[in-house]
Structure formats: structure tokens, C-alpha cells
């Protein structure tokens, strides 16, 4: 038996029986874990209400090598009232946590993915940026963190570069742009959308118009669904 102490984010909870909960956690130290939380629905003092999403919690987990670890203690170490108080911010946070739940492999630390999630939640909490643009930036980053970065400059099949001034076909499931010589794709990115996506993905800016952010998010969500195997 081993013990895991880590900061974590709750990405899902499922009720079990009359009092227990199974919580899916993304932890900083051990990656994604499913944890049994005994007595969570009866006000367990060991949990203390610290199973709410968007807040960063500190957890003590008991790991016996089974599919489920056991949560022994948890406490909130970073609250984000700004996220909870804004429907747009809360929706963006929920989408990002859903992505992480499906995209991150079990028991595999994802330090870059963790950093991106925490940074997104903190930016949303501050309330000074567009939630949808920030979510698009985070989505592009999360795909890259787990090895599924979208290629937005050249065809993923033949390597031919696409001029920035031209629209481009993109297939999120195949990893990026597909030139017309290689068959193209059903989705077309306008030049301004592709420029905004490249800027967001490279961290050069978080500035994208509402229409650009929505177009990028559609591509990102389709890529997430294709690689993580969940229904949109």
C-alpha cells in the first residue's frame, strides 16, 4: 500500500449507495485517478465539502494498486468564486474539465496538462478575459500536451505549406490541415480563424473575436472527441 499526497481537481463525481461517492480526480502528482470517498454524502469531516469542481483541493489518497484508490482526506486550497459566480466562466471550466477527464490517461502525470488547466481556471476566476477565447487557447494546449497537437500550418499528409492568406481544409480527427491535393476535408478554416488559432496555440496572444473563438472551439472539440473517444 502507498499513499499519494497531491493537489487535485475534481472532474466528475458519481453517487454510490446511500452515502459514498466515486470521484474522478486529475492530480498534479499521479495524473487521473478514480477515488472511493466513503461517507461523502453524509458530511464526512475528512472531506469537508472539498469535492466541488473548479476549486483546487489537496488530497491524501490510499493506493492499494486496485482500480480505485481511497480518498482519506481532502481540503480546499484555492477557491475560485469568480468562476462559480459567472455562468460563462463556469461553462468554460466545465468543458475543460470534461476534456481532461476523457483525454488524460489513468495514472499518468500530465504536468503540462495540469498547468494549462490551472492557468485557465485562474484566468476565468479573474474575469478579465473572454471565457470562450481562453477555453479555445486551453483546448489547443491540452491537445498538444498529450501528443495530439493540431497542425495548422501545413498538410499533415504531404507536408505542403498553406499560405496564411488562404482558407484551409482541416480534419481534426486526422490531426490538422489536409490540402486539396490530398483530398481536402469537410471543414474549412478561414484565414483569420487559422491565424487566431495559431496565435492562441503558440501563446502569442489570447485575443480572438467571438466568431473566431467559436470556430476554433468546434475544431478543438471534434479533435477531443476523436482522440478521447467520447460523444460530442
Protein backbone atom coordinates (compact mmCIF):
# COMPACT_ATOMS: atom_id res chain seq x y z
CA UNK A 1 0.00 0.00 0.00
CA UNK A 2 1.21 3.51 -0.78
CA UNK A 3 -0.05 6.98 -0.07
CA UNK A 4 -0.40 9.83 -2.55
CA UNK A 5 -0.41 13.44 -1.42
CA UNK A 6 -1.16 15.93 -4.15
CA UNK A 7 -3.13 18.92 -5.28
CA UNK A 8 -6.07 17.89 -7.44
CA UNK A 9 -9.10 18.96 -9.42
CA UNK A 10 -12.42 17.11 -9.27
CA UNK A 11 -13.61 16.37 -12.80
CA UNK A 12 -16.52 14.06 -12.00
CA UNK A 13 -18.47 12.56 -9.09
CA UNK A 14 -20.83 9.58 -9.18
CA UNK A 15 -23.04 8.60 -6.25
CA UNK A 16 -22.66 5.06 -4.94
CA UNK A 17 -25.08 3.51 -2.47
CA UNK A 18 -26.59 5.68 0.23
CA UNK A 19 -23.53 7.59 1.37
CA UNK A 20 -20.50 7.06 -0.85
CA UNK A 21 -19.15 8.78 -3.94
CA UNK A 22 -16.68 7.79 -6.62
CA UNK A 23 -14.71 10.88 -7.59
CA UNK A 24 -12.60 11.19 -10.72
CA UNK A 25 -9.62 13.39 -9.90
CA UNK A 26 -6.91 14.95 -12.00
CA UNK A 27 -3.98 15.10 -9.61
CA UNK A 28 -0.75 17.01 -10.06
CA UNK A 29 1.46 14.16 -8.84
CA UNK A 30 -0.19 10.99 -10.16
CA UNK A 31 -2.42 12.04 -13.06
CA UNK A 32 -6.04 10.96 -13.38
CA UNK A 33 -7.34 8.71 -10.61
CA UNK A 34 -10.72 7.32 -9.59
CA UNK A 35 -11.21 7.54 -5.83
CA UNK A 36 -13.71 5.96 -3.46
CA UNK A 37 -14.96 8.54 -0.96
CA UNK A 38 -16.67 6.84 1.96
CA UNK A 39 -19.44 8.78 3.65
CA UNK A 40 -19.10 11.78 1.35
CA UNK A 41 -22.85 12.35 1.18
CA UNK A 42 -23.25 12.24 4.95
CA UNK A 43 -20.98 15.20 5.61
CA UNK A 44 -17.76 13.34 6.34
CA UNK A 45 -15.33 15.60 8.22
CA UNK A 46 -12.45 14.08 6.24
CA UNK A 47 -13.91 15.51 3.05
CA UNK A 48 -15.40 18.72 4.41
CA UNK A 49 -17.23 19.63 1.20
CA UNK A 50 -13.98 19.64 -0.75
CA UNK A 51 -15.28 17.76 -3.79
CA UNK A 52 -16.56 20.73 -5.76
CA UNK A 53 -15.15 21.24 -9.26
CA UNK A 54 -13.11 24.35 -10.29
CA UNK A 55 -11.53 24.70 -6.82
CA UNK A 56 -8.04 23.29 -6.26
CA UNK A 57 -8.00 20.75 -3.44
CA UNK A 58 -5.27 18.94 -1.54
CA UNK A 59 -5.89 15.21 -1.19
CA UNK A 60 -4.46 12.29 0.73
CA UNK A 61 -5.10 9.04 -1.13
CA UNK A 62 -4.54 5.44 -0.14
CA UNK A 63 -3.43 3.33 -3.10
CA UNK A 64 -3.52 -0.47 -2.89
CA UNK A 65 -2.91 -0.94 -6.60
CA UNK A 66 -6.58 -1.56 -7.46
CA UNK A 67 -8.62 0.37 -9.99
CA UNK A 68 -9.95 2.63 -7.25
CA UNK A 69 -7.84 4.48 -4.74
CA UNK A 70 -9.40 5.60 -1.43
CA UNK A 71 -9.66 9.26 -0.53
CA UNK A 72 -8.71 9.62 3.13
CA UNK A 73 -8.62 13.42 3.44
CA UNK A 74 -9.28 16.47 1.28
CA UNK A 75 -9.36 20.21 1.77
CA UNK A 76 -9.79 23.22 -0.47
CA UNK A 77 -6.56 25.14 -1.01
CA UNK A 78 -7.65 27.53 -3.78
CA UNK A 79 -11.22 28.73 -4.17
CA UNK A 80 -12.45 30.33 -7.38
CA UNK A 81 -15.56 32.31 -6.54
CA UNK A 82 -15.21 34.26 -9.77
CA UNK A 83 -15.76 31.09 -11.78
CA UNK A 84 -18.70 29.93 -9.68
CA UNK A 85 -20.32 33.36 -9.96
CA UNK A 86 -20.23 33.57 -13.76
CA UNK A 87 -22.29 31.27 -15.97
CA UNK A 88 -19.96 31.80 -18.95
CA UNK A 89 -16.84 31.11 -16.89
CA UNK A 90 -18.44 28.10 -15.20
CA UNK A 91 -19.48 26.64 -18.54
CA UNK A 92 -15.96 27.08 -19.95
CA UNK A 93 -14.42 25.48 -16.87
CA UNK A 94 -16.84 22.55 -17.13
CA UNK A 95 -15.92 21.92 -20.75
CA UNK A 96 -12.20 21.98 -19.95
CA UNK A 97 -12.61 19.56 -17.04
CA UNK A 98 -14.67 17.24 -19.25
CA UNK A 99 -11.91 17.30 -21.86
CA UNK A 100 -9.32 16.42 -19.22
CA UNK A 101 -11.43 13.58 -17.84
CA UNK A 102 -11.65 11.94 -21.24
CA UNK A 103 -8.28 12.94 -22.68
CA UNK A 104 -5.85 12.21 -19.83
CA UNK A 105 -4.81 8.56 -19.44
CA UNK A 106 -5.19 6.95 -15.98
CA UNK A 107 -2.31 7.09 -13.52
CA UNK A 108 -0.09 9.12 -15.85
CA UNK A 109 1.16 12.50 -14.62
CA UNK A 110 0.46 15.26 -17.14
CA UNK A 111 2.43 18.26 -15.83
CA UNK A 112 1.78 20.44 -18.88
CA UNK A 113 -1.89 19.49 -18.95
CA UNK A 114 -2.16 20.28 -15.24
CA UNK A 115 -0.50 23.67 -15.77
CA UNK A 116 -2.89 24.53 -18.60
CA UNK A 117 -5.97 23.61 -16.54
CA UNK A 118 -4.87 25.61 -13.51
CA UNK A 119 -3.94 28.60 -15.66
CA UNK A 120 -7.33 28.51 -17.40
CA UNK A 121 -9.25 28.30 -14.12
CA UNK A 122 -7.25 31.19 -12.64
CA UNK A 123 -7.82 33.36 -15.71
CA UNK A 124 -11.54 32.57 -15.65
CA UNK A 125 -11.62 33.39 -11.95
CA UNK A 126 -10.08 36.82 -12.59
CA UNK A 127 -12.88 37.58 -15.03
CA UNK A 128 -10.77 39.83 -17.25
CA UNK A 129 -10.75 37.77 -20.46
CA UNK A 130 -13.22 36.13 -22.81
CA UNK A 131 -14.10 32.69 -21.42
CA UNK A 132 -14.60 31.22 -24.89
CA UNK A 133 -11.29 32.54 -26.24
CA UNK A 134 -9.47 31.30 -23.15
CA UNK A 135 -11.15 27.91 -23.49
CA UNK A 136 -10.04 27.72 -27.13
CA UNK A 137 -6.47 28.50 -26.10
CA UNK A 138 -6.56 25.89 -23.35
CA UNK A 139 -8.08 23.28 -25.66
CA UNK A 140 -5.31 23.71 -28.22
CA UNK A 141 -2.77 23.46 -25.42
CA UNK A 142 -4.32 20.33 -23.90
CA UNK A 143 -4.26 18.57 -27.27
CA UNK A 144 -0.59 19.40 -27.62
CA UNK A 145 0.20 18.33 -24.06
CA UNK A 146 -0.94 14.75 -24.70
CA UNK A 147 0.57 14.45 -28.18
CA UNK A 148 -2.42 15.40 -30.35
CA UNK A 149 -1.44 18.94 -31.36
CA UNK A 150 -3.29 20.22 -34.41
CA UNK A 151 -1.10 21.05 -37.41
CA UNK A 152 -2.28 24.44 -38.62
CA UNK A 153 0.50 25.43 -41.00
CA UNK A 154 0.88 22.57 -43.47
CA UNK A 155 -0.84 19.44 -44.75
CA UNK A 156 -0.47 16.54 -42.32
CA UNK A 157 -0.28 14.08 -45.24
CA UNK A 158 2.12 15.61 -47.74
CA UNK A 159 3.70 18.42 -45.72
CA UNK A 160 2.76 21.15 -48.20
CA UNK A 161 2.57 24.53 -46.50
CA UNK A 162 -0.66 26.52 -46.67
CA UNK A 163 -0.22 30.29 -47.18
CA UNK A 164 -1.63 32.30 -44.28
CA UNK A 165 -3.73 34.37 -46.66
CA UNK A 166 -5.74 31.37 -47.87
CA UNK A 167 -8.54 29.31 -46.37
CA UNK A 168 -7.58 25.74 -45.48
CA UNK A 169 -9.36 22.41 -45.07
CA UNK A 170 -8.96 20.75 -41.70
CA UNK A 171 -9.76 17.28 -40.39
CA UNK A 172 -9.49 17.34 -36.57
CA UNK A 173 -9.55 13.53 -36.35
CA UNK A 174 -6.53 13.27 -38.65
CA UNK A 175 -4.58 15.93 -36.80
CA UNK A 176 -4.83 19.11 -38.85
CA UNK A 177 -4.83 20.58 -42.32
CA UNK A 178 -5.47 18.40 -45.37
CA UNK A 179 -4.63 20.05 -48.68
CA UNK A 180 -6.97 19.65 -51.64
CA UNK A 181 -4.37 17.57 -53.50
CA UNK A 182 -4.64 15.02 -50.66
CA UNK A 183 -8.42 15.04 -50.71
CA UNK A 184 -9.23 18.03 -48.51
CA UNK A 185 -11.76 17.88 -45.67
CA UNK A 186 -15.33 18.89 -44.93
CA UNK A 187 -14.37 21.71 -42.54
CA UNK A 188 -12.76 24.87 -43.88
CA UNK A 189 -10.93 27.41 -41.73
CA UNK A 190 -10.96 30.99 -42.93
CA UNK A 191 -7.54 32.70 -42.95
CA UNK A 192 -8.37 34.89 -39.95
CA UNK A 193 -9.56 31.90 -37.93
CA UNK A 194 -6.42 29.94 -38.68
CA UNK A 195 -4.23 32.91 -37.75
CA UNK A 196 -6.10 33.33 -34.47
CA UNK A 197 -5.79 29.60 -33.72
CA UNK A 198 -2.05 29.62 -34.40
CA UNK A 199 -1.58 32.68 -32.20
CA UNK A 200 -3.59 31.15 -29.38
CA UNK A 201 -1.80 27.82 -29.69
CA UNK A 202 1.63 29.45 -29.70
CA UNK A 203 0.78 31.61 -26.68
CA UNK A 204 1.41 34.82 -28.63
CA UNK A 205 -1.99 36.25 -27.78
CA UNK A 206 -5.29 35.39 -26.14
CA UNK A 207 -7.13 37.78 -28.39
CA UNK A 208 -9.72 36.21 -30.69
CA UNK A 209 -13.07 37.55 -31.81
CA UNK A 210 -16.19 35.71 -30.62
CA UNK A 211 -16.75 34.17 -34.05
CA UNK A 212 -13.11 33.10 -34.33
CA UNK A 213 -13.18 31.56 -30.85
CA UNK A 214 -16.33 29.59 -31.66
CA UNK A 215 -14.88 28.28 -34.92
CA UNK A 216 -11.70 27.19 -33.14
CA UNK A 217 -13.68 25.54 -30.35
CA UNK A 218 -15.67 23.47 -32.83
CA UNK A 219 -12.43 22.11 -34.29
CA UNK A 220 -10.90 21.51 -30.86
CA UNK A 221 -13.98 19.71 -29.55
CA UNK A 222 -14.06 17.45 -32.61
CA UNK A 223 -10.39 16.63 -32.12
CA UNK A 224 -11.00 15.85 -28.45
CA UNK A 225 -13.91 13.56 -29.32
CA UNK A 226 -11.89 11.74 -31.98
CA UNK A 227 -8.84 11.12 -29.83
CA UNK A 228 -10.53 10.55 -26.46
CA UNK A 229 -13.46 8.53 -27.78
CA UNK A 230 -16.40 10.43 -26.31
CA UNK A 231 -19.57 11.65 -27.98
CA UNK A 232 -19.93 15.37 -28.60
